[in-house]
Amino acid sequence: MVAFITFIECSFGVPTSNFFRGLLFHWGIQAHHLTPNSILHISIYVQLCEAFLDIEPHFNLFKHLFHLKPQPSQNEIAVIDGAGLQLRQGMEIFYIPYKLSSKVIDWKSKWFYIENHAPSLPERTPGPPKVYGEWSAKPQSMFQHYYKT
């Protein structure tokens, strides 16, 4: 599989976690469709859950906090980095503050091949990611079944 040096610097490693593979499957994307900051968002979230909260990464909480956005636009989606993970509007007050790099330059040219260890990621397919409704769909309120209105 193709790996990017910038992804490794953002804590990407193989074999990947069940959580990461689940995100890719849920969104219908592959690792190379993500941006370096997307990898960093996922890494920080997993670290928060495992090291600070002492829980497995919670999928619905992640979807509540984040969504995918076509890159660079809905009409023109890039083959590499065509899916940018973003904190949902208004969620910054509920999530831990951190600063992302605003200028990741020439990262696409710094790639190499790496063995796709089991449990493996899906085989690479050509073309940009296909946008699905799940990219921006907000999950039902996590507290909906506790508090009936």
Protein backbone atom coordinates (compact mmCIF):
# COMPACT_ATOMS: atom_id res chain seq x y z
CA MET A 1 0.00 0.00 0.00
CA VAL A 2 1.06 3.61 -0.42
CA ALA A 3 1.94 5.51 2.76
CA PHE A 4 2.87 9.15 3.20
CA ILE A 5 5.65 10.41 5.46
CA THR A 6 3.31 13.11 6.80
CA PHE A 7 0.78 10.43 7.82
CA ILE A 8 3.47 8.60 9.80
CA GLU A 9 4.40 11.90 11.49
CA CYS A 10 0.70 12.21 12.49
CA SER A 11 0.83 8.76 14.24
CA PHE A 12 -0.45 6.59 11.38
CA GLY A 13 0.82 3.03 11.71
CA VAL A 14 0.15 -0.45 10.42
CA PRO A 15 -1.52 -2.66 11.14
CA THR A 16 -4.26 -0.11 11.62
CA SER A 17 -6.80 -0.24 14.42
CA ASN A 18 -10.29 -1.65 14.12
CA PHE A 19 -11.55 1.88 14.76
CA PHE A 20 -9.62 3.32 11.78
CA ARG A 21 -10.69 0.49 9.45
CA GLY A 22 -14.28 0.97 10.64
CA LEU A 23 -14.16 4.67 9.76
CA LEU A 24 -12.85 3.91 6.27
CA PHE A 25 -15.54 1.28 5.73
CA HIS A 26 -18.31 3.51 7.09
CA TRP A 27 -17.34 6.41 4.81
CA GLY A 28 -16.44 4.25 1.79
CA ILE A 29 -12.93 5.72 1.53
CA GLN A 30 -9.32 4.60 1.62
CA ALA A 31 -6.42 5.91 3.71
CA HIS A 32 -4.91 7.91 0.83
CA HIS A 33 -8.19 9.81 0.45
CA LEU A 34 -7.61 11.47 3.84
CA THR A 35 -5.61 14.62 4.50
CA PRO A 36 -2.69 14.71 6.98
CA ASN A 37 -4.79 16.77 9.39
CA SER A 38 -7.53 14.12 9.14
CA ILE A 39 -5.04 11.48 10.27
CA LEU A 40 -4.04 13.79 13.12
CA HIS A 41 -7.70 14.30 14.17
CA ILE A 42 -8.19 10.51 14.31
CA SER A 43 -4.92 9.95 16.21
CA ILE A 44 -5.76 12.60 18.80
CA TYR A 45 -9.27 11.22 19.29
CA VAL A 46 -8.01 7.65 19.75
CA GLN A 47 -5.34 8.85 22.20
CA LEU A 48 -7.96 10.82 24.14
CA CYS A 49 -10.23 7.78 24.43
CA GLU A 50 -7.58 5.16 25.21
CA ALA A 51 -5.10 7.08 27.36
CA PHE A 52 -7.22 9.73 29.06
CA LEU A 53 -10.73 8.24 29.26
CA ASP A 54 -9.51 4.60 29.40
CA ILE A 55 -12.17 3.45 26.91
CA GLU A 56 -12.16 2.08 23.39
CA PRO A 57 -12.69 4.83 20.78
CA HIS A 58 -16.45 5.42 20.61
CA PHE A 59 -17.72 5.52 17.02
CA ASN A 60 -20.92 7.50 17.64
CA LEU A 61 -19.12 10.10 19.72
CA PHE A 62 -16.57 10.50 16.92
CA LYS A 63 -19.35 10.98 14.35
CA HIS A 64 -21.01 13.47 16.69
CA LEU A 65 -17.81 15.53 16.82
CA PHE A 66 -16.49 15.16 13.25
CA HIS A 67 -17.63 14.96 9.64
CA LEU A 68 -15.95 14.53 6.25
CA LYS A 69 -15.83 17.27 3.67
CA PRO A 70 -14.94 16.77 -0.02
CA GLN A 71 -11.58 18.35 -0.85
CA PRO A 72 -10.94 20.76 -2.47
CA SER A 73 -14.67 21.14 -3.24
CA GLN A 74 -17.89 19.16 -3.81
CA ASN A 75 -17.51 19.59 -7.58
CA GLU A 76 -13.82 18.73 -7.78
CA ILE A 77 -12.69 15.92 -5.48
CA ALA A 78 -8.99 15.05 -5.37
CA VAL A 79 -7.77 11.46 -5.76
CA ILE A 80 -5.29 11.93 -2.92
CA ASP A 81 -6.62 13.94 0.05
CA GLY A 82 -10.14 14.18 -1.36
CA ALA A 83 -11.74 13.68 2.07
CA GLY A 84 -10.99 16.17 4.84
CA LEU A 85 -12.06 15.40 8.38
CA GLN A 86 -13.37 18.45 10.22
CA LEU A 87 -14.73 19.19 13.65
CA ARG A 88 -18.44 19.93 13.30
CA GLN A 89 -19.50 23.53 13.69
CA GLY A 90 -20.04 24.36 17.34
CA MET A 91 -18.21 21.28 18.65
CA GLU A 92 -14.99 23.17 19.47
CA ILE A 93 -16.48 24.21 22.81
CA PHE A 94 -17.03 20.55 23.77
CA TYR A 95 -13.74 19.10 22.54
CA ILE A 96 -10.13 19.47 23.59
CA PRO A 97 -8.32 22.43 22.01
CA TYR A 98 -5.36 21.77 19.72
CA LYS A 99 -3.79 23.47 16.77
CA LEU A 100 -3.55 21.86 13.34
CA SER A 101 -0.90 22.69 10.80
CA SER A 102 -2.30 25.19 8.33
CA LYS A 103 0.46 24.65 5.79
CA VAL A 104 1.36 21.09 4.92
CA ILE A 105 3.31 21.65 1.72
CA ASP A 106 4.39 19.05 -0.83
CA TRP A 107 3.33 16.14 1.37
CA LYS A 108 1.87 14.17 -1.55
CA SER A 109 5.27 13.81 -3.18
CA LYS A 110 6.77 12.18 -0.07
CA TRP A 111 5.35 8.68 -0.28
CA PHE A 112 6.59 5.10 -0.11
CA TYR A 113 5.24 1.58 -0.26
CA ILE A 114 4.56 -0.35 2.91
CA GLU A 115 3.30 -3.88 3.45
CA ASN A 116 -0.43 -3.96 4.17
CA HIS A 117 -0.24 -6.11 7.32
CA ALA A 118 -3.22 -8.10 8.56
CA PRO A 119 -5.78 -7.09 9.50
CA SER A 120 -5.30 -5.19 6.29
CA LEU A 121 -6.82 -2.11 4.77
CA PRO A 122 -8.82 -2.57 1.56
CA GLU A 123 -6.87 -2.78 -1.68
CA ARG A 124 -6.27 0.56 -3.30
CA THR A 125 -8.73 1.43 -6.05
CA PRO A 126 -8.19 4.20 -8.58
CA GLY A 127 -9.99 7.51 -8.55
CA PRO A 128 -11.22 10.02 -6.02
CA PRO A 129 -13.49 9.04 -3.14
CA LYS A 130 -17.22 8.94 -3.78
CA VAL A 131 -19.17 11.25 -1.49
CA TYR A 132 -21.91 9.51 0.49
CA GLY A 133 -24.49 10.97 2.82
CA GLU A 134 -22.64 9.40 5.75
CA TRP A 135 -19.82 11.90 5.28
CA SER A 136 -21.84 14.71 6.80
CA ALA A 137 -24.72 12.86 8.47
CA LYS A 138 -24.95 13.77 12.11
CA PRO A 139 -25.76 10.78 14.30
CA GLN A 140 -28.85 10.79 16.43
CA SER A 141 -28.31 12.54 19.71
CA MET A 142 -26.26 10.36 21.99
CA PHE A 143 -28.63 11.23 24.82
CA GLN A 144 -31.88 10.87 22.85
CA HIS A 145 -32.84 7.55 24.41
CA TYR A 146 -32.20 8.92 27.93
CA TYR A 147 -34.17 12.12 27.60
CA LYS A 148 -37.43 11.92 25.71
CA THR A 149 -38.86 15.25 24.61
